[in-house]
Amino acid sequence: MQTNLTTIETPAAALDSILSLENFQKKHSDKFTSGQLTWFMRNRERNGLAESGAVILSARKFYINEPLFTQWFASQKA
């Protein structure tokens, strides 16, 4: 009897690509001010950032998935 095993793979970000909001701001301070990031986070439900999967809220602390944030940011139109 042959058993078919199906592996269910879920997209998971490598931990190296996930930064706390504070560390993300420090790393990308040449691109975003803390005020801009605060605005993005406050309006994440309206601006699509929450839906993008780029924001993780764990233990009342925000984390940013860099690749997903980059995709979201690049998709913004003026």
N, C-alpha and C. Protein backbone atom coordinates (compact mmCIF):
# COMPACT_ATOMS: atom_id res chain seq x y z
N MET A 1 0.83 -1.18 0.00
CA MET A 1 0.00 0.00 0.00
C MET A 1 0.88 1.24 0.00
N GLN A 2 0.60 2.15 -0.90
CA GLN A 2 1.40 3.36 -1.02
C GLN A 2 0.66 4.51 -0.36
N THR A 3 1.41 5.27 0.41
CA THR A 3 0.83 6.42 1.09
C THR A 3 1.31 7.69 0.42
N ASN A 4 0.39 8.54 0.06
CA ASN A 4 0.74 9.83 -0.51
C ASN A 4 0.77 10.87 0.59
N LEU A 5 1.92 11.43 0.81
CA LEU A 5 2.05 12.48 1.79
C LEU A 5 2.10 13.82 1.07
N THR A 6 1.25 14.68 1.47
CA THR A 6 1.21 16.01 0.88
C THR A 6 1.73 16.99 1.90
N THR A 7 2.73 17.71 1.52
CA THR A 7 3.28 18.73 2.40
C THR A 7 2.56 20.03 2.13
N ILE A 8 2.03 20.60 3.17
CA ILE A 8 1.37 21.89 3.04
C ILE A 8 2.40 22.95 3.39
N GLU A 9 2.70 23.76 2.40
CA GLU A 9 3.68 24.81 2.60
C GLU A 9 2.96 26.15 2.69
N THR A 10 3.29 26.88 3.72
CA THR A 10 2.73 28.21 3.85
C THR A 10 3.85 29.21 3.65
N PRO A 11 3.53 30.35 3.02
CA PRO A 11 4.59 31.34 2.84
C PRO A 11 4.98 31.91 4.19
N ALA A 12 6.20 31.70 4.55
CA ALA A 12 6.71 32.22 5.83
C ALA A 12 7.95 33.04 5.55
N ALA A 13 7.99 34.18 6.15
CA ALA A 13 9.15 35.06 5.96
C ALA A 13 10.32 34.54 6.78
N ALA A 14 11.49 34.62 6.20
CA ALA A 14 12.68 34.30 6.97
C ALA A 14 12.79 35.34 8.08
N LEU A 15 13.19 34.89 9.25
CA LEU A 15 13.27 35.81 10.39
C LEU A 15 14.20 36.99 10.13
N ASP A 16 15.19 36.79 9.27
CA ASP A 16 16.11 37.89 8.96
C ASP A 16 15.42 39.04 8.25
N SER A 17 14.30 38.77 7.61
CA SER A 17 13.61 39.83 6.87
C SER A 17 12.52 40.50 7.70
N ILE A 18 12.41 40.13 8.97
CA ILE A 18 11.43 40.74 9.86
C ILE A 18 12.15 41.59 10.89
N LEU A 19 11.78 42.87 10.93
CA LEU A 19 12.42 43.81 11.85
C LEU A 19 11.36 44.47 12.73
N SER A 20 11.76 44.83 13.94
CA SER A 20 10.86 45.64 14.75
C SER A 20 10.66 46.96 14.03
N LEU A 21 9.57 47.63 14.32
CA LEU A 21 9.30 48.91 13.67
C LEU A 21 10.44 49.89 13.92
N GLU A 22 10.98 49.89 15.14
CA GLU A 22 12.08 50.79 15.48
C GLU A 22 13.33 50.49 14.67
N ASN A 23 13.67 49.22 14.54
CA ASN A 23 14.86 48.84 13.77
C ASN A 23 14.66 49.08 12.27
N PHE A 24 13.43 48.89 11.80
CA PHE A 24 13.13 49.18 10.40
C PHE A 24 13.35 50.66 10.12
N GLN A 25 12.88 51.51 11.03
CA GLN A 25 13.04 52.95 10.85
C GLN A 25 14.51 53.34 10.86
N LYS A 26 15.29 52.75 11.77
CA LYS A 26 16.73 53.05 11.82
C LYS A 26 17.43 52.62 10.53
N LYS A 27 17.08 51.44 10.06
CA LYS A 27 17.71 50.90 8.86
C LYS A 27 17.36 51.72 7.62
N HIS A 28 16.15 52.25 7.58
CA HIS A 28 15.67 52.95 6.38
C HIS A 28 15.40 54.43 6.67
N SER A 29 16.16 55.01 7.58
CA SER A 29 15.93 56.41 7.96
C SER A 29 16.21 57.37 6.80
N ASP A 30 16.96 56.91 5.80
CA ASP A 30 17.20 57.75 4.62
C ASP A 30 15.98 57.80 3.70
N LYS A 31 15.03 56.89 3.90
CA LYS A 31 13.85 56.82 3.04
C LYS A 31 12.58 57.27 3.75
N PHE A 32 12.45 56.95 5.05
CA PHE A 32 11.22 57.21 5.78
C PHE A 32 11.53 57.90 7.10
N THR A 33 10.75 58.92 7.41
CA THR A 33 10.86 59.53 8.73
C THR A 33 10.02 58.70 9.70
N SER A 34 10.25 58.89 10.98
CA SER A 34 9.43 58.16 11.96
C SER A 34 7.97 58.59 11.83
N GLY A 35 7.73 59.86 11.49
CA GLY A 35 6.37 60.34 11.29
C GLY A 35 5.67 59.65 10.13
N GLN A 36 6.39 59.42 9.04
CA GLN A 36 5.80 58.70 7.90
C GLN A 36 5.42 57.28 8.29
N LEU A 37 6.33 56.59 8.98
CA LEU A 37 6.04 55.22 9.39
C LEU A 37 4.88 55.17 10.37
N THR A 38 4.81 56.14 11.27
CA THR A 38 3.69 56.21 12.20
C THR A 38 2.39 56.39 11.43
N TRP A 39 2.38 57.25 10.42
CA TRP A 39 1.19 57.46 9.59
C TRP A 39 0.81 56.17 8.85
N PHE A 40 1.81 55.52 8.25
CA PHE A 40 1.54 54.25 7.56
C PHE A 40 0.87 53.25 8.51
N MET A 41 1.39 53.14 9.74
CA MET A 41 0.88 52.17 10.69
C MET A 41 -0.52 52.55 11.18
N ARG A 42 -0.73 53.80 11.48
CA ARG A 42 -2.05 54.26 11.96
C ARG A 42 -3.13 54.04 10.92
N ASN A 43 -2.76 54.17 9.67
CA ASN A 43 -3.73 54.07 8.57
C ASN A 43 -3.62 52.76 7.81
N ARG A 44 -3.04 51.75 8.42
CA ARG A 44 -2.75 50.49 7.72
C ARG A 44 -4.00 49.79 7.19
N GLU A 45 -5.13 49.96 7.83
CA GLU A 45 -6.36 49.33 7.33
C GLU A 45 -6.87 50.05 6.08
N ARG A 46 -6.68 51.36 6.01
CA ARG A 46 -7.17 52.14 4.87
C ARG A 46 -6.20 52.15 3.71
N ASN A 47 -4.89 52.08 3.99
CA ASN A 47 -3.91 52.22 2.91
C ASN A 47 -3.46 50.87 2.32
N GLY A 48 -4.00 49.77 2.83
CA GLY A 48 -3.68 48.45 2.28
C GLY A 48 -2.47 47.78 2.90
N LEU A 49 -1.81 48.46 3.83
CA LEU A 49 -0.62 47.87 4.44
C LEU A 49 -0.97 46.63 5.27
N ALA A 50 -2.08 46.68 5.99
CA ALA A 50 -2.49 45.51 6.78
C ALA A 50 -2.78 44.32 5.88
N GLU A 51 -3.48 44.56 4.80
CA GLU A 51 -3.84 43.49 3.87
C GLU A 51 -2.62 42.90 3.17
N SER A 52 -1.57 43.68 3.03
CA SER A 52 -0.37 43.22 2.33
C SER A 52 0.38 42.13 3.10
N GLY A 53 0.13 42.04 4.39
CA GLY A 53 0.84 41.06 5.21
C GLY A 53 2.19 41.56 5.69
N ALA A 54 2.51 42.83 5.42
CA ALA A 54 3.81 43.38 5.79
C ALA A 54 3.92 43.74 7.26
N VAL A 55 2.78 43.82 7.96
CA VAL A 55 2.78 44.22 9.36
C VAL A 55 2.41 43.04 10.24
N ILE A 56 3.21 42.82 11.26
CA ILE A 56 2.94 41.79 12.25
C ILE A 56 2.80 42.49 13.59
N LEU A 57 1.71 42.21 14.29
CA LEU A 57 1.51 42.74 15.63
C LEU A 57 1.59 41.58 16.59
N SER A 58 2.60 41.58 17.43
CA SER A 58 2.79 40.50 18.39
C SER A 58 3.19 41.09 19.72
N ALA A 59 2.48 40.69 20.75
CA ALA A 59 2.76 41.16 22.11
C ALA A 59 2.79 42.69 22.16
N ARG A 60 1.81 43.30 21.48
CA ARG A 60 1.66 44.76 21.44
C ARG A 60 2.85 45.48 20.85
N LYS A 61 3.58 44.79 19.98
CA LYS A 61 4.73 45.39 19.31
C LYS A 61 4.60 45.12 17.81
N PHE A 62 4.91 46.16 17.02
CA PHE A 62 4.83 46.02 15.57
C PHE A 62 6.16 45.55 14.99
N TYR A 63 6.04 44.67 13.99
CA TYR A 63 7.17 44.19 13.23
C TYR A 63 6.85 44.39 11.75
N ILE A 64 7.90 44.57 10.96
CA ILE A 64 7.75 44.79 9.53
C ILE A 64 8.45 43.68 8.76
N ASN A 65 7.73 43.09 7.83
CA ASN A 65 8.30 42.12 6.90
C ASN A 65 8.83 42.95 5.73
N GLU A 66 10.15 43.07 5.64
CA GLU A 66 10.75 43.96 4.64
C GLU A 66 10.34 43.67 3.19
N PRO A 67 10.41 42.43 2.73
CA PRO A 67 10.04 42.19 1.32
C PRO A 67 8.59 42.55 1.03
N LEU A 68 7.68 42.25 1.95
CA LEU A 68 6.27 42.57 1.73
C LEU A 68 6.03 44.08 1.84
N PHE A 69 6.73 44.74 2.74
CA PHE A 69 6.61 46.20 2.83
C PHE A 69 7.11 46.84 1.54
N THR A 70 8.21 46.34 1.01
CA THR A 70 8.76 46.89 -0.24
C THR A 70 7.75 46.73 -1.37
N GLN A 71 7.12 45.57 -1.47
CA GLN A 71 6.11 45.35 -2.51
C GLN A 71 4.94 46.32 -2.32
N TRP A 72 4.48 46.46 -1.08
CA TRP A 72 3.37 47.38 -0.81
C TRP A 72 3.76 48.81 -1.18
N PHE A 73 4.92 49.25 -0.74
CA PHE A 73 5.35 50.62 -0.98
C PHE A 73 5.50 50.89 -2.48
N ALA A 74 6.08 49.94 -3.20
CA ALA A 74 6.28 50.10 -4.64
C ALA A 74 4.95 50.15 -5.40
N SER A 75 3.89 49.60 -4.82
CA SER A 75 2.59 49.60 -5.48
C SER A 75 1.79 50.87 -5.25
N GLN A 76 2.28 51.75 -4.40
CA GLN A 76 1.58 53.00 -4.11
C GLN A 76 1.67 53.95 -5.29
N LYS A 77 0.57 54.60 -5.58
CA LYS A 77 0.51 55.54 -6.69
C LYS A 77 0.40 56.96 -6.16
N ALA A 78 0.99 57.89 -6.86
CA ALA A 78 0.93 59.31 -6.46
C ALA A 78 -0.41 59.91 -6.82
